[in-house]
Amino acid sequence: QLQLVESGGGLVQPGGSLRLSCAASGFTLDYYAIGWFRQAPGKEREGVSCITNLGGSTDYADSVKGRFTISRDNAKNTVYLQMNSLKPDDTAVYYCTAKHGMYSRCVSHDETGYDYWGQGTQVTVSS
């Protein structure tokens, strides 16, 4: 069974940090580009970041540039999203997603082609 499982969410104070993990099972991430999306209550889902499998190119939404870092460890079949300087506006359910193919470029807000989605992990930024 092909699955993506997110973990690492939780409650954090403004200015704090969290690291989200996205672990794949049933398939290898070597052949997939990975995206992180989020959805806050009452809002549309938005792209946060993505990373390719050719060259590890990345892209970020303007709202998270300089604060979030996406990375991948193919040996562990896992992608990470390091989130620093968190703000209340970052509160959302975060989803990772994978699209099959060889990609040298990705665009964070583009949902086209993503085949597999995780169940999401809640991130709450509040004092």
Foldseek 3Di string as FASTA:
>chain_A
DWAWAKDFADEAAQQAKIKIKIAIPPDFCLFKKKWKWWDDPPDDIFFAKIFFNPPGDMEGDPVQPPFWDWDDDRVRSMIMIIGGRDDQVVWTWMKMFIAGHGDPDDYRGDPPRTDHMHPTDTHGYHD
